[in-house]
Amino acid sequence: MHAWTVGAIGLMTLGVTTRATRGHTGLDLTTSTWTMAIYGAMTAAALLRITAGAFPQSYMVMLEVAGAAWIVAFTMFLFEYAPMLLGPRAERT
């Protein structure tokens, strides 16, 4: 269940919103280093959440780190993509 909700839904939400933001704001459809870090943080959140059950002694710590990675991913999205969404559309030449 968590592989589906944290991994698939979380990554797809970020994937669609990053692509749609770039497309609708007139920017090139490229992936920046910052965007790759966003995807990395969400992937880490999913992997930590999935594997937490295999390590009972570290279960709660892994859950907390997974939650923090999820928050980091969406916070990084906010910092990179909010200026694009709030600013004027880029005109392609």
PDB file of N, CA and C in Angstrom:
ATOM      1  N   MET A   1       0.825  -1.197   0.000  1.00  0.00           N
ATOM      2  CA  MET A   1       0.000   0.000   0.000  1.00  0.00           C
ATOM      3  C   MET A   1       0.874   1.267   0.000  1.00  0.00           C
ATOM      4  N   HIS A   2       1.931   1.275   0.820  1.00  0.00           N
ATOM      5  CA  HIS A   2       2.765   2.470   0.879  1.00  0.00           C
ATOM      6  C   HIS A   2       3.616   2.643  -0.371  1.00  0.00           C
ATOM      7  N   ALA A   3       3.973   1.546  -1.010  1.00  0.00           N
ATOM      8  CA  ALA A   3       4.695   1.668  -2.277  1.00  0.00           C
ATOM      9  C   ALA A   3       3.822   2.396  -3.285  1.00  0.00           C
ATOM     10  N   TRP A   4       2.539   2.104  -3.259  1.00  0.00           N
ATOM     11  CA  TRP A   4       1.603   2.736  -4.172  1.00  0.00           C
ATOM     12  C   TRP A   4       1.375   4.200  -3.806  1.00  0.00           C
ATOM     13  N   THR A   5       1.076   4.463  -2.537  1.00  0.00           N
ATOM     14  CA  THR A   5       0.703   5.824  -2.164  1.00  0.00           C
ATOM     15  C   THR A   5       1.894   6.778  -2.096  1.00  0.00           C
ATOM     16  N   VAL A   6       2.962   6.374  -1.423  1.00  0.00           N
ATOM     17  CA  VAL A   6       4.124   7.264  -1.305  1.00  0.00           C
ATOM     18  C   VAL A   6       4.911   7.287  -2.604  1.00  0.00           C
ATOM     19  N   GLY A   7       5.193   6.114  -3.139  1.00  0.00           N
ATOM     20  CA  GLY A   7       6.039   6.023  -4.327  1.00  0.00           C
ATOM     21  C   GLY A   7       5.349   6.427  -5.607  1.00  0.00           C
ATOM     22  N   ALA A   8       4.353   5.661  -5.989  1.00  0.00           N
ATOM     23  CA  ALA A   8       3.722   5.902  -7.289  1.00  0.00           C
ATOM     24  C   ALA A   8       2.957   7.215  -7.327  1.00  0.00           C
ATOM     25  N   ILE A   9       2.098   7.442  -6.366  1.00  0.00           N
ATOM     26  CA  ILE A   9       1.287   8.659  -6.394  1.00  0.00           C
ATOM     27  C   ILE A   9       2.145   9.891  -6.144  1.00  0.00           C
ATOM     28  N   GLY A  10       3.069   9.807  -5.171  1.00  0.00           N
ATOM     29  CA  GLY A  10       3.940  10.944  -4.881  1.00  0.00           C
ATOM     30  C   GLY A  10       4.817  11.311  -6.063  1.00  0.00           C
ATOM     31  N   LEU A  11       5.468  10.315  -6.657  1.00  0.00           N
ATOM     32  CA  LEU A  11       6.329  10.593  -7.809  1.00  0.00           C
ATOM     33  C   LEU A  11       5.534  11.045  -9.028  1.00  0.00           C
ATOM     34  N   MET A  12       4.381  10.446  -9.268  1.00  0.00           N
ATOM     35  CA  MET A  12       3.579  10.862 -10.415  1.00  0.00           C
ATOM     36  C   MET A  12       3.036  12.276 -10.235  1.00  0.00           C
ATOM     37  N   THR A  13       2.651  12.619  -9.014  1.00  0.00           N
ATOM     38  CA  THR A  13       2.184  13.976  -8.756  1.00  0.00           C
ATOM     39  C   THR A  13       3.286  14.983  -9.071  1.00  0.00           C
ATOM     40  N   LEU A  14       4.480  14.713  -8.584  1.00  0.00           N
ATOM     41  CA  LEU A  14       5.597  15.614  -8.875  1.00  0.00           C
ATOM     42  C   LEU A  14       5.956  15.600 -10.355  1.00  0.00           C
ATOM     43  N   GLY A  15       5.945  14.434 -10.977  1.00  0.00           N
ATOM     44  CA  GLY A  15       6.274  14.344 -12.399  1.00  0.00           C
ATOM     45  C   GLY A  15       5.312  15.130 -13.270  1.00  0.00           C
ATOM     46  N   VAL A  16       4.030  14.974 -13.002  1.00  0.00           N
ATOM     47  CA  VAL A  16       3.022  15.681 -13.795  1.00  0.00           C
ATOM     48  C   VAL A  16       3.074  17.180 -13.530  1.00  0.00           C
ATOM     49  N   THR A  17       3.218  17.564 -12.273  1.00  0.00           N
ATOM     50  CA  THR A  17       3.215  19.005 -11.985  1.00  0.00           C
ATOM     51  C   THR A  17       4.470  19.700 -12.490  1.00  0.00           C
ATOM     52  N   THR A  18       5.616  19.020 -12.437  1.00  0.00           N
ATOM     53  CA  THR A  18       6.817  19.665 -12.967  1.00  0.00           C
ATOM     54  C   THR A  18       6.731  19.819 -14.479  1.00  0.00           C
ATOM     55  N   ARG A  19       6.254  18.793 -15.157  1.00  0.00           N
ATOM     56  CA  ARG A  19       6.128  18.847 -16.616  1.00  0.00           C
ATOM     57  C   ARG A  19       5.064  19.867 -17.028  1.00  0.00           C
ATOM     58  N   ALA A  20       3.923  19.829 -16.368  1.00  0.00           N
ATOM     59  CA  ALA A  20       2.835  20.754 -16.708  1.00  0.00           C
ATOM     60  C   ALA A  20       3.238  22.205 -16.438  1.00  0.00           C
ATOM     61  N   THR A  21       3.937  22.432 -15.353  1.00  0.00           N
ATOM     62  CA  THR A  21       4.381  23.786 -15.040  1.00  0.00           C
ATOM     63  C   THR A  21       5.285  24.321 -16.134  1.00  0.00           C
ATOM     64  N   ARG A  22       6.256  23.524 -16.527  1.00  0.00           N
ATOM     65  CA  ARG A  22       7.174  23.972 -17.577  1.00  0.00           C
ATOM     66  C   ARG A  22       6.423  24.183 -18.904  1.00  0.00           C
ATOM     67  N   GLY A  23       5.540  23.285 -19.241  1.00  0.00           N
ATOM     68  CA  GLY A  23       4.807  23.408 -20.496  1.00  0.00           C
ATOM     69  C   GLY A  23       3.865  24.599 -20.530  1.00  0.00           C
ATOM     70  N   HIS A  24       3.120  24.796 -19.459  1.00  0.00           N
ATOM     71  CA  HIS A  24       2.129  25.871 -19.428  1.00  0.00           C
ATOM     72  C   HIS A  24       2.735  27.252 -19.194  1.00  0.00           C
ATOM     73  N   THR A  25       3.963  27.304 -18.718  1.00  0.00           N
ATOM     74  CA  THR A  25       4.601  28.604 -18.520  1.00  0.00           C
ATOM     75  C   THR A  25       5.527  28.973 -19.667  1.00  0.00           C
ATOM     76  N   GLY A  26       5.586  28.123 -20.687  1.00  0.00           N
ATOM     77  CA  GLY A  26       6.371  28.428 -21.869  1.00  0.00           C
ATOM     78  C   GLY A  26       7.850  28.105 -21.743  1.00  0.00           C
ATOM     79  N   LEU A  27       8.230  27.351 -20.735  1.00  0.00           N
ATOM     80  CA  LEU A  27       9.633  27.002 -20.541  1.00  0.00           C
ATOM     81  C   LEU A  27       9.978  25.729 -21.306  1.00  0.00           C
ATOM     82  N   ASP A  28      11.261  25.527 -21.534  1.00  0.00           N
ATOM     83  CA  ASP A  28      11.710  24.296 -22.183  1.00  0.00           C
ATOM     84  C   ASP A  28      11.375  23.106 -21.304  1.00  0.00           C
ATOM     85  N   LEU A  29      11.055  22.000 -21.940  1.00  0.00           N
ATOM     86  CA  LEU A  29      10.713  20.782 -21.210  1.00  0.00           C
ATOM     87  C   LEU A  29      11.985  20.009 -20.879  1.00  0.00           C
ATOM     88  N   THR A  30      12.763  20.581 -19.982  1.00  0.00           N
ATOM     89  CA  THR A  30      14.001  19.963 -19.536  1.00  0.00           C
ATOM     90  C   THR A  30      13.915  19.727 -18.035  1.00  0.00           C
ATOM     91  N   THR A  31      14.768  18.851 -17.550  1.00  0.00           N
ATOM     92  CA  THR A  31      14.801  18.563 -16.122  1.00  0.00           C
ATOM     93  C   THR A  31      16.063  19.172 -15.530  1.00  0.00           C
ATOM     94  N   SER A  32      15.874  20.061 -14.589  1.00  0.00           N
ATOM     95  CA  SER A  32      17.015  20.700 -13.939  1.00  0.00           C
ATOM     96  C   SER A  32      17.600  19.777 -12.868  1.00  0.00           C
ATOM     97  N   THR A  33      18.772  20.137 -12.402  1.00  0.00           N
ATOM     98  CA  THR A  33      19.398  19.393 -11.308  1.00  0.00           C
ATOM     99  C   THR A  33      18.522  19.453 -10.063  1.00  0.00           C
ATOM    100  N   TRP A  34      17.923  20.594  -9.834  1.00  0.00           N
ATOM    101  CA  TRP A  34      17.031  20.777  -8.683  1.00  0.00           C
ATOM    102  C   TRP A  34      15.826  19.844  -8.791  1.00  0.00           C
ATOM    103  N   THR A  35      15.253  19.717  -9.965  1.00  0.00           N
ATOM    104  CA  THR A  35      14.113  18.824 -10.168  1.00  0.00           C
ATOM    105  C   THR A  35      14.522  17.369  -9.956  1.00  0.00           C
ATOM    106  N   MET A  36      15.704  17.003 -10.407  1.00  0.00           N
ATOM    107  CA  MET A  36      16.182  15.639 -10.172  1.00  0.00           C
ATOM    108  C   MET A  36      16.340  15.378  -8.677  1.00  0.00           C
ATOM    109  N   ALA A  37      16.776  16.386  -7.926  1.00  0.00           N
ATOM    110  CA  ALA A  37      16.882  16.244  -6.472  1.00  0.00           C
ATOM    111  C   ALA A  37      15.500  16.065  -5.838  1.00  0.00           C
ATOM    112  N   ILE A  38      14.502  16.745  -6.387  1.00  0.00           N
ATOM    113  CA  ILE A  38      13.130  16.585  -5.913  1.00  0.00           C
ATOM    114  C   ILE A  38      12.687  15.140  -6.100  1.00  0.00           C
ATOM    115  N   TYR A  39      12.906  14.605  -7.287  1.00  0.00           N
ATOM    116  CA  TYR A  39      12.538  13.212  -7.557  1.00  0.00           C
ATOM    117  C   TYR A  39      13.330  12.255  -6.661  1.00  0.00           C
ATOM    118  N   GLY A  40      14.595  12.564  -6.412  1.00  0.00           N
ATOM    119  CA  GLY A  40      15.423  11.733  -5.545  1.00  0.00           C
ATOM    120  C   GLY A  40      14.900  11.692  -4.115  1.00  0.00           C
ATOM    121  N   ALA A  41      14.486  12.853  -3.609  1.00  0.00           N
ATOM    122  CA  ALA A  41      13.947  12.914  -2.246  1.00  0.00           C
ATOM    123  C   ALA A  41      12.657  12.104  -2.139  1.00  0.00           C
ATOM    124  N   MET A  42      11.803  12.177  -3.149  1.00  0.00           N
ATOM    125  CA  MET A  42      10.561  11.417  -3.103  1.00  0.00           C
ATOM    126  C   MET A  42      10.829   9.918  -3.232  1.00  0.00           C
ATOM    127  N   THR A  43      11.793   9.553  -4.062  1.00  0.00           N
ATOM    128  CA  THR A  43      12.165   8.139  -4.191  1.00  0.00           C
ATOM    129  C   THR A  43      12.728   7.626  -2.874  1.00  0.00           C
ATOM    130  N   ALA A  44      13.555   8.424  -2.225  1.00  0.00           N
ATOM    131  CA  ALA A  44      14.099   8.035  -0.916  1.00  0.00           C
ATOM    132  C   ALA A  44      12.980   7.858   0.102  1.00  0.00           C
ATOM    133  N   ALA A  45      12.001   8.759   0.086  1.00  0.00           N
ATOM    134  CA  ALA A  45      10.868   8.641   1.003  1.00  0.00           C
ATOM    135  C   ALA A  45      10.133   7.331   0.780  1.00  0.00           C
ATOM    136  N   ALA A  46       9.899   6.983  -0.465  1.00  0.00           N
ATOM    137  CA  ALA A  46       9.183   5.745  -0.772  1.00  0.00           C
ATOM    138  C   ALA A  46       9.995   4.516  -0.357  1.00  0.00           C
ATOM    139  N   LEU A  47      11.264   4.504  -0.682  1.00  0.00           N
ATOM    140  CA  LEU A  47      12.099   3.348  -0.342  1.00  0.00           C
ATOM    141  C   LEU A  47      12.249   3.176   1.168  1.00  0.00           C
ATOM    142  N   LEU A  48      12.412   4.273   1.872  1.00  0.00           N
ATOM    143  CA  LEU A  48      12.512   4.197   3.329  1.00  0.00           C
ATOM    144  C   LEU A  48      11.215   3.681   3.937  1.00  0.00           C
ATOM    145  N   ARG A  49      10.101   4.155   3.420  1.00  0.00           N
ATOM    146  CA  ARG A  49       8.808   3.723   3.966  1.00  0.00           C
ATOM    147  C   ARG A  49       8.568   2.241   3.694  1.00  0.00           C
ATOM    148  N   ILE A  50       8.925   1.787   2.519  1.00  0.00           N
ATOM    149  CA  ILE A  50       8.707   0.385   2.157  1.00  0.00           C
ATOM    150  C   ILE A  50       9.608  -0.546   2.971  1.00  0.00           C
ATOM    151  N   THR A  51      10.864  -0.158   3.152  1.00  0.00           N
ATOM    152  CA  THR A  51      11.814  -1.037   3.839  1.00  0.00           C
ATOM    153  C   THR A  51      11.756  -0.919   5.360  1.00  0.00           C
ATOM    154  N   ALA A  52      11.042   0.050   5.897  1.00  0.00           N
ATOM    155  CA  ALA A  52      10.991   0.237   7.351  1.00  0.00           C
ATOM    156  C   ALA A  52      10.499  -1.016   8.070  1.00  0.00           C
ATOM    157  N   GLY A  53       9.573  -1.724   7.485  1.00  0.00           N
ATOM    158  CA  GLY A  53       9.034  -2.931   8.116  1.00  0.00           C
ATOM    159  C   GLY A  53      10.051  -4.045   8.264  1.00  0.00           C
ATOM    160  N   ALA A  54      11.093  -4.036   7.467  1.00  0.00           N
ATOM    161  CA  ALA A  54      12.117  -5.075   7.532  1.00  0.00           C
ATOM    162  C   ALA A  54      13.110  -4.826   8.666  1.00  0.00           C
ATOM    163  N   PHE A  55      13.063  -3.665   9.277  1.00  0.00           N
ATOM    164  CA  PHE A  55      14.006  -3.308  10.337  1.00  0.00           C
ATOM    165  C   PHE A  55      13.240  -2.829  11.570  1.00  0.00           C
ATOM    166  N   PRO A  56      12.695  -3.783  12.353  1.00  0.00           N
ATOM    167  CA  PRO A  56      11.858  -3.396  13.504  1.00  0.00           C
ATOM    168  C   PRO A  56      12.569  -2.484  14.503  1.00  0.00           C
ATOM    169  N   GLN A  57      13.870  -2.661  14.683  1.00  0.00           N
ATOM    170  CA  GLN A  57      14.597  -1.840  15.644  1.00  0.00           C
ATOM    171  C   GLN A  57      14.726  -0.391  15.190  1.00  0.00           C
ATOM    172  N   SER A  58      14.612  -0.145  13.899  1.00  0.00           N
ATOM    173  CA  SER A  58      14.737   1.211  13.346  1.00  0.00           C
ATOM    174  C   SER A  58      13.443   1.705  12.706  1.00  0.00           C
ATOM    175  N   TYR A  59      12.358   1.009  12.940  1.00  0.00           N
ATOM    176  CA  TYR A  59      11.092   1.291  12.245  1.00  0.00           C
ATOM    177  C   TYR A  59      10.667   2.752  12.375  1.00  0.00           C
ATOM    178  N   MET A  60      10.579   3.248  13.601  1.00  0.00           N
ATOM    179  CA  MET A  60      10.080   4.616  13.800  1.00  0.00           C
ATOM    180  C   MET A  60      11.036   5.662  13.229  1.00  0.00           C
ATOM    181  N   VAL A  61      12.318   5.441  13.364  1.00  0.00           N
ATOM    182  CA  VAL A  61      13.290   6.388  12.811  1.00  0.00           C
ATOM    183  C   VAL A  61      13.159   6.422  11.291  1.00  0.00           C
ATOM    184  N   MET A  62      13.037   5.253  10.678  1.00  0.00           N
ATOM    185  CA  MET A  62      12.904   5.210   9.216  1.00  0.00           C
ATOM    186  C   MET A  62      11.617   5.880   8.754  1.00  0.00           C
ATOM    187  N   LEU A  63      10.535   5.709   9.520  1.00  0.00           N
ATOM    188  CA  LEU A  63       9.280   6.386   9.174  1.00  0.00           C
ATOM    189  C   LEU A  63       9.434   7.900   9.257  1.00  0.00           C
ATOM    190  N   GLU A  64      10.106   8.361  10.289  1.00  0.00           N
ATOM    191  CA  GLU A  64      10.302   9.802  10.441  1.00  0.00           C
ATOM    192  C   GLU A  64      11.184  10.368   9.333  1.00  0.00           C
ATOM    193  N   VAL A  65      12.230   9.647   8.977  1.00  0.00           N
ATOM    194  CA  VAL A  65      13.110  10.105   7.893  1.00  0.00           C
ATOM    195  C   VAL A  65      12.357  10.071   6.563  1.00  0.00           C
ATOM    196  N   ALA A  66      11.537   9.037   6.359  1.00  0.00           N
ATOM    197  CA  ALA A  66      10.731   8.960   5.135  1.00  0.00           C
ATOM    198  C   ALA A  66       9.771  10.141   5.052  1.00  0.00           C
ATOM    199  N   GLY A  67       9.122  10.457   6.156  1.00  0.00           N
ATOM    200  CA  GLY A  67       8.219  11.615   6.182  1.00  0.00           C
ATOM    201  C   GLY A  67       8.953  12.910   5.921  1.00  0.00           C
ATOM    202  N   ALA A  68      10.142  13.037   6.501  1.00  0.00           N
ATOM    203  CA  ALA A  68      10.941  14.244   6.276  1.00  0.00           C
ATOM    204  C   ALA A  68      11.354  14.361   4.810  1.00  0.00           C
ATOM    205  N   ALA A  69      11.735  13.236   4.196  1.00  0.00           N
ATOM    206  CA  ALA A  69      12.119  13.256   2.777  1.00  0.00           C
ATOM    207  C   ALA A  69      10.934  13.657   1.901  1.00  0.00           C
ATOM    208  N   TRP A  70       9.731  13.201   2.247  1.00  0.00           N
ATOM    209  CA  TRP A  70       8.520  13.559   1.507  1.00  0.00           C
ATOM    210  C   TRP A  70       8.286  15.072   1.609  1.00  0.00           C
ATOM    211  N   ILE A  71       8.416  15.603   2.816  1.00  0.00           N
ATOM    212  CA  ILE A  71       8.238  17.045   3.031  1.00  0.00           C
ATOM    213  C   ILE A  71       9.300  17.832   2.272  1.00  0.00           C
ATOM    214  N   VAL A  72      10.541  17.367   2.314  1.00  0.00           N
ATOM    215  CA  VAL A  72      11.635  18.022   1.598  1.00  0.00           C
ATOM    216  C   VAL A  72      11.342  18.070   0.098  1.00  0.00           C
ATOM    217  N   ALA A  73      10.849  16.958  -0.456  1.00  0.00           N
ATOM    218  CA  ALA A  73      10.564  16.910  -1.892  1.00  0.00           C
ATOM    219  C   ALA A  73       9.545  17.982  -2.289  1.00  0.00           C
ATOM    220  N   PHE A  74       8.454  18.085  -1.553  1.00  0.00           N
ATOM    221  CA  PHE A  74       7.435  19.061  -1.915  1.00  0.00           C
ATOM    222  C   PHE A  74       7.856  20.492  -1.574  1.00  0.00           C
ATOM    223  N   THR A  75       8.689  20.663  -0.558  1.00  0.00           N
ATOM    224  CA  THR A  75       9.217  21.996  -0.254  1.00  0.00           C
ATOM    225  C   THR A  75      10.161  22.455  -1.358  1.00  0.00           C
ATOM    226  N   MET A  76      11.004  21.549  -1.831  1.00  0.00           N
ATOM    227  CA  MET A  76      11.897  21.884  -2.941  1.00  0.00           C
ATOM    228  C   MET A  76      11.084  22.219  -4.189  1.00  0.00           C
ATOM    229  N   PHE A  77      10.006  21.479  -4.429  1.00  0.00           N
ATOM    230  CA  PHE A  77       9.124  21.794  -5.562  1.00  0.00           C
ATOM    231  C   PHE A  77       8.595  23.224  -5.422  1.00  0.00           C
ATOM    232  N   LEU A  78       8.148  23.557  -4.239  1.00  0.00           N
ATOM    233  CA  LEU A  78       7.614  24.896  -3.991  1.00  0.00           C
ATOM    234  C   LEU A  78       8.644  25.976  -4.315  1.00  0.00           C
ATOM    235  N   PHE A  79       9.864  25.800  -3.837  1.00  0.00           N
ATOM    236  CA  PHE A  79      10.891  26.819  -4.058  1.00  0.00           C
ATOM    237  C   PHE A  79      11.312  26.930  -5.522  1.00  0.00           C
ATOM    238  N   GLU A  80      11.338  25.812  -6.246  1.00  0.00           N
ATOM    239  CA  GLU A  80      11.747  25.913  -7.650  1.00  0.00           C
ATOM    240  C   GLU A  80      10.606  26.344  -8.560  1.00  0.00           C
ATOM    241  N   TYR A  81       9.408  25.817  -8.326  1.00  0.00           N
ATOM    242  CA  TYR A  81       8.334  26.012  -9.291  1.00  0.00           C
ATOM    243  C   TYR A  81       7.369  27.146  -8.960  1.00  0.00           C
ATOM    244  N   ALA A  82       7.315  27.612  -7.725  1.00  0.00           N
ATOM    245  CA  ALA A  82       6.425  28.733  -7.395  1.00  0.00           C
ATOM    246  C   ALA A  82       6.764  29.983  -8.202  1.00  0.00           C
ATOM    247  N   PRO A  83       8.047  30.356  -8.339  1.00  0.00           N
ATOM    248  CA  PRO A  83       8.344  31.542  -9.162  1.00  0.00           C
ATOM    249  C   PRO A  83       7.886  31.374 -10.616  1.00  0.00           C
ATOM    250  N   MET A  84       7.973  30.175 -11.144  1.00  0.00           N
ATOM    251  CA  MET A  84       7.522  29.937 -12.521  1.00  0.00           C
ATOM    252  C   MET A  84       6.012  30.107 -12.625  1.00  0.00           C
ATOM    253  N   LEU A  85       5.302  29.583 -11.635  1.00  0.00           N
ATOM    254  CA  LEU A  85       3.843  29.638 -11.656  1.00  0.00           C
ATOM    255  C   LEU A  85       3.297  31.023 -11.352  1.00  0.00           C
ATOM    256  N   LEU A  86       4.012  31.788 -10.557  1.00  0.00           N
ATOM    257  CA  LEU A  86       3.535  33.112 -10.170  1.00  0.00           C
ATOM    258  C   LEU A  86       4.019  34.223 -11.081  1.00  0.00           C
ATOM    259  N   GLY A  87       5.034  33.935 -11.891  1.00  0.00           N
ATOM    260  CA  GLY A  87       5.587  34.950 -12.775  1.00  0.00           C
ATOM    261  C   GLY A  87       4.920  34.952 -14.138  1.00  0.00           C
ATOM    262  N   PRO A  88       5.358  35.843 -15.003  1.00  0.00           N
ATOM    263  CA  PRO A  88       4.778  35.900 -16.357  1.00  0.00           C
ATOM    264  C   PRO A  88       5.230  34.701 -17.191  1.00  0.00           C
ATOM    265  N   ARG A  89       4.423  34.372 -18.156  1.00  0.00           N
ATOM    266  CA  ARG A  89       4.732  33.259 -19.058  1.00  0.00           C
ATOM    267  C   ARG A  89       5.940  33.631 -19.913  1.00  0.00           C
ATOM    268  N   ALA A  90       6.858  32.683 -20.068  1.00  0.00           N
ATOM    269  CA  ALA A  90       8.029  32.892 -20.911  1.00  0.00           C
ATOM    270  C   ALA A  90       7.606  32.790 -22.372  1.00  0.00           C
ATOM    271  N   GLU A  91       8.044  33.730 -23.172  1.00  0.00           N
ATOM    272  CA  GLU A  91       7.713  33.706 -24.582  1.00  0.00           C
ATOM    273  C   GLU A  91       8.820  32.966 -25.350  1.00  0.00           C
ATOM    274  N   ARG A  92       8.434  31.966 -26.076  1.00  0.00           N
ATOM    275  CA  ARG A  92       9.407  31.216 -26.893  1.00  0.00           C
ATOM    276  C   ARG A  92       9.666  31.959 -28.182  1.00  0.00           C
ATOM    277  N   THR A  93      10.915  31.921 -28.596  1.00  0.00           N
ATOM    278  CA  THR A  93      11.270  32.617 -29.844  1.00  0.00           C
ATOM    279  C   THR A  93      11.541  31.621 -30.944  1.00  0.00           C
TER     280      THR A  93
END
